[in-house]
Amino acid sequence: MNKTKRGFLKLVPLVLLMSLIACNGENDETASLSDSATTPPTIFATWKATGFIYDGVYSPITNECQQEIMTINSDGTALSAKNCPEGTFYTEYTWTQVEGDVYAFDSESTYWPVNYKLTFPIGNDKMYFTYAKPQPHEFSKIYEKVEVTEEQSRESSL
């Protein structure tokens, strides 16, 4: 009986240690999965136009001048830069949230704000700009989140 008791007492700490290790790893994995799943997409970033969908057909943007870089700021401003052979062209925008995922973008080159529905169908790294009002043809411009170097950031703020 004493041998059984001693064997049991030696086994209990081992079982407790194994259960703590098992639970600890499970919680870390669950937390990291739920963190990425619950992190809401944000429009506040720097985006590069990489393609478009027209009537359900995807096409990449191959013309460098059309691969605009757009930085959307939380203060209601945005800046677009198009690097063309003739030089870099900038467009400044102001934006407001109309409702939900619909935003109005306005610039000096437009007569009135244009409402776009911004969606994130593939997570936080891709954003689709789609006209909020129904159009005769389905059209979405696709932007991908990009990293901006400090130098590029300084240039875009000039």
Protein backbone atom coordinates (compact mmCIF):
# COMPACT_ATOMS: atom_id res chain seq x y z
CA MET A 1 0.00 0.00 0.00
CA ASN A 2 2.84 2.41 0.87
CA LYS A 3 4.50 1.67 -2.47
CA THR A 4 1.26 2.47 -4.29
CA LYS A 5 0.83 5.73 -2.37
CA ARG A 6 4.40 6.84 -3.13
CA GLY A 7 3.98 5.94 -6.80
CA PHE A 8 0.74 7.88 -6.94
CA LEU A 9 2.32 10.93 -5.24
CA LYS A 10 5.17 10.88 -7.76
CA LEU A 11 2.71 10.63 -10.64
CA VAL A 12 0.43 13.53 -9.53
CA PRO A 13 3.01 16.34 -10.05
CA LEU A 14 3.84 14.92 -13.48
CA VAL A 15 0.16 14.87 -14.50
CA LEU A 16 -0.35 18.42 -13.20
CA LEU A 17 2.71 19.65 -15.08
CA MET A 18 1.53 18.03 -18.33
CA SER A 19 -1.96 19.53 -18.01
CA LEU A 20 -0.52 23.00 -17.40
CA ILE A 21 1.72 22.75 -20.44
CA ALA A 22 -1.12 21.45 -22.60
CA CYS A 23 -3.53 24.19 -21.51
CA ASN A 24 -0.93 26.92 -21.83
CA GLY A 25 -0.16 26.12 -25.50
CA GLU A 26 -3.84 25.77 -26.34
CA ASN A 27 -4.67 29.19 -24.91
CA ASP A 28 -1.83 30.90 -26.79
CA GLU A 29 -2.90 29.38 -30.09
CA THR A 30 -6.56 30.21 -29.52
CA ALA A 31 -5.72 33.77 -28.53
CA SER A 32 -3.59 34.40 -31.61
CA LEU A 33 -6.22 32.91 -33.90
CA SER A 34 -9.04 34.92 -32.35
CA ASP A 35 -6.94 38.12 -32.36
CA SER A 36 -6.36 37.95 -36.12
CA ALA A 37 -9.96 36.92 -36.77
CA THR A 38 -11.42 39.75 -34.71
CA THR A 39 -9.05 42.54 -35.76
CA PRO A 40 -11.31 44.75 -37.85
CA PRO A 41 -10.02 45.93 -41.22
CA THR A 42 -9.02 49.57 -41.35
CA ILE A 43 -8.87 51.95 -44.27
CA PHE A 44 -6.14 53.98 -42.54
CA ALA A 45 -3.03 52.77 -44.33
CA THR A 46 -1.07 53.16 -47.54
CA TRP A 47 -2.52 51.23 -50.47
CA LYS A 48 -1.34 50.45 -54.00
CA ALA A 49 -3.78 49.90 -56.87
CA THR A 50 -2.98 46.47 -58.30
CA GLY A 51 -5.99 45.41 -60.32
CA PHE A 52 -9.68 45.74 -61.04
CA ILE A 53 -12.73 43.58 -61.49
CA TYR A 54 -15.04 44.46 -64.37
CA ASP A 55 -18.24 42.42 -64.68
CA GLY A 56 -16.68 39.65 -62.58
CA VAL A 57 -13.42 39.41 -64.56
CA TYR A 58 -10.17 40.29 -62.78
CA SER A 59 -7.42 42.18 -64.61
CA PRO A 60 -4.10 43.29 -63.14
CA ILE A 61 -3.05 46.90 -63.57
CA THR A 62 0.05 46.77 -65.74
CA ASN A 63 0.38 50.49 -66.55
CA GLU A 64 2.69 51.95 -63.89
CA CYS A 65 0.89 55.30 -64.11
CA GLN A 66 -2.37 53.62 -63.05
CA GLN A 67 -0.77 51.83 -60.07
CA GLU A 68 -1.48 54.75 -57.78
CA ILE A 69 -0.32 54.81 -54.19
CA MET A 70 -3.01 56.14 -51.86
CA THR A 71 -2.54 56.99 -48.21
CA ILE A 72 -5.78 57.32 -46.26
CA ASN A 73 -5.42 59.17 -42.96
CA SER A 74 -7.73 59.06 -39.95
CA ASP A 75 -8.14 62.87 -40.02
CA GLY A 76 -10.42 62.77 -43.08
CA THR A 77 -7.67 63.35 -45.67
CA ALA A 78 -6.06 61.15 -48.29
CA LEU A 79 -3.26 61.59 -50.80
CA SER A 80 -2.89 59.74 -54.08
CA ALA A 81 0.37 59.61 -56.04
CA LYS A 82 0.68 58.35 -59.62
CA ASN A 83 4.24 57.74 -60.82
CA CYS A 84 4.08 58.34 -64.55
CA PRO A 85 6.87 58.74 -67.13
CA GLU A 86 6.03 62.48 -67.28
CA GLY A 87 6.44 62.82 -63.51
CA THR A 88 4.58 62.10 -60.30
CA PHE A 89 1.03 63.44 -60.05
CA TYR A 90 -0.62 64.00 -56.68
CA THR A 91 -4.30 64.27 -55.84
CA GLU A 92 -5.44 65.39 -52.42
CA TYR A 93 -8.77 64.08 -51.14
CA THR A 94 -11.03 64.67 -48.23
CA TRP A 95 -13.28 61.86 -47.13
CA THR A 96 -16.20 61.29 -44.81
CA GLN A 97 -17.91 58.12 -43.71
CA VAL A 98 -21.45 58.16 -45.12
CA GLU A 99 -22.63 55.02 -43.33
CA GLY A 100 -21.22 51.57 -42.59
CA ASP A 101 -18.64 50.76 -45.24
CA VAL A 102 -19.62 53.63 -47.60
CA TYR A 103 -17.24 56.60 -47.77
CA ALA A 104 -17.47 59.82 -49.79
CA PHE A 105 -14.19 60.87 -51.42
CA ASP A 106 -13.85 64.40 -52.77
CA SER A 107 -11.03 66.23 -54.56
CA GLU A 108 -10.63 69.44 -56.49
CA SER A 109 -10.84 67.44 -59.72
CA THR A 110 -14.36 66.12 -59.00
CA TYR A 111 -17.55 68.17 -59.14
CA TRP A 112 -19.03 66.41 -56.12
CA PRO A 113 -17.98 63.71 -53.69
CA VAL A 114 -18.07 60.20 -55.08
CA ASN A 115 -19.42 57.53 -52.74
CA TYR A 116 -17.46 54.29 -52.65
CA LYS A 117 -18.14 51.11 -50.77
CA LEU A 118 -14.87 49.89 -49.27
CA THR A 119 -14.74 46.17 -48.59
CA PHE A 120 -12.05 43.79 -47.40
CA PRO A 121 -12.93 40.41 -48.95
CA ILE A 122 -9.53 38.80 -48.33
CA GLY A 123 -8.65 40.12 -44.89
CA ASN A 124 -6.91 43.32 -43.93
CA ASP A 125 -4.37 43.39 -46.78
CA LYS A 126 -6.72 43.97 -49.74
CA MET A 127 -9.36 46.64 -50.16
CA TYR A 128 -11.95 46.90 -52.92
CA PHE A 129 -13.19 50.36 -54.01
CA THR A 130 -16.64 49.90 -55.55
CA TYR A 131 -19.16 52.59 -56.50
CA ALA A 132 -21.77 52.67 -53.74
CA LYS A 133 -24.65 53.26 -56.14
CA PRO A 134 -25.51 50.45 -58.58
CA GLN A 135 -23.85 50.91 -61.97
CA PRO A 136 -24.67 49.34 -65.37
CA HIS A 137 -21.48 47.28 -65.02
CA GLU A 138 -19.82 45.89 -61.91
CA PHE A 139 -16.49 47.62 -61.33
CA SER A 140 -14.12 47.45 -58.35
CA LYS A 141 -10.60 48.80 -58.13
CA ILE A 142 -8.38 46.59 -55.98
CA TYR A 143 -5.79 48.03 -53.62
CA GLU A 144 -3.20 46.11 -51.61
CA LYS A 145 -1.70 47.39 -48.38
CA VAL A 146 1.95 48.38 -48.81
CA GLU A 147 4.77 49.25 -46.49
CA VAL A 148 6.01 52.81 -46.84
CA THR A 149 9.59 53.77 -46.15
CA GLU A 150 10.33 56.90 -44.13
CA GLU A 151 11.66 58.61 -47.27
CA GLN A 152 8.49 57.84 -49.24
CA SER A 153 6.42 59.11 -46.32
CA ARG A 154 8.35 62.40 -46.28
CA GLU A 155 7.96 62.79 -50.07
CA SER A 156 4.20 62.22 -49.95
CA SER A 157 3.77 64.82 -47.20
CA LEU A 158 5.43 67.56 -49.32
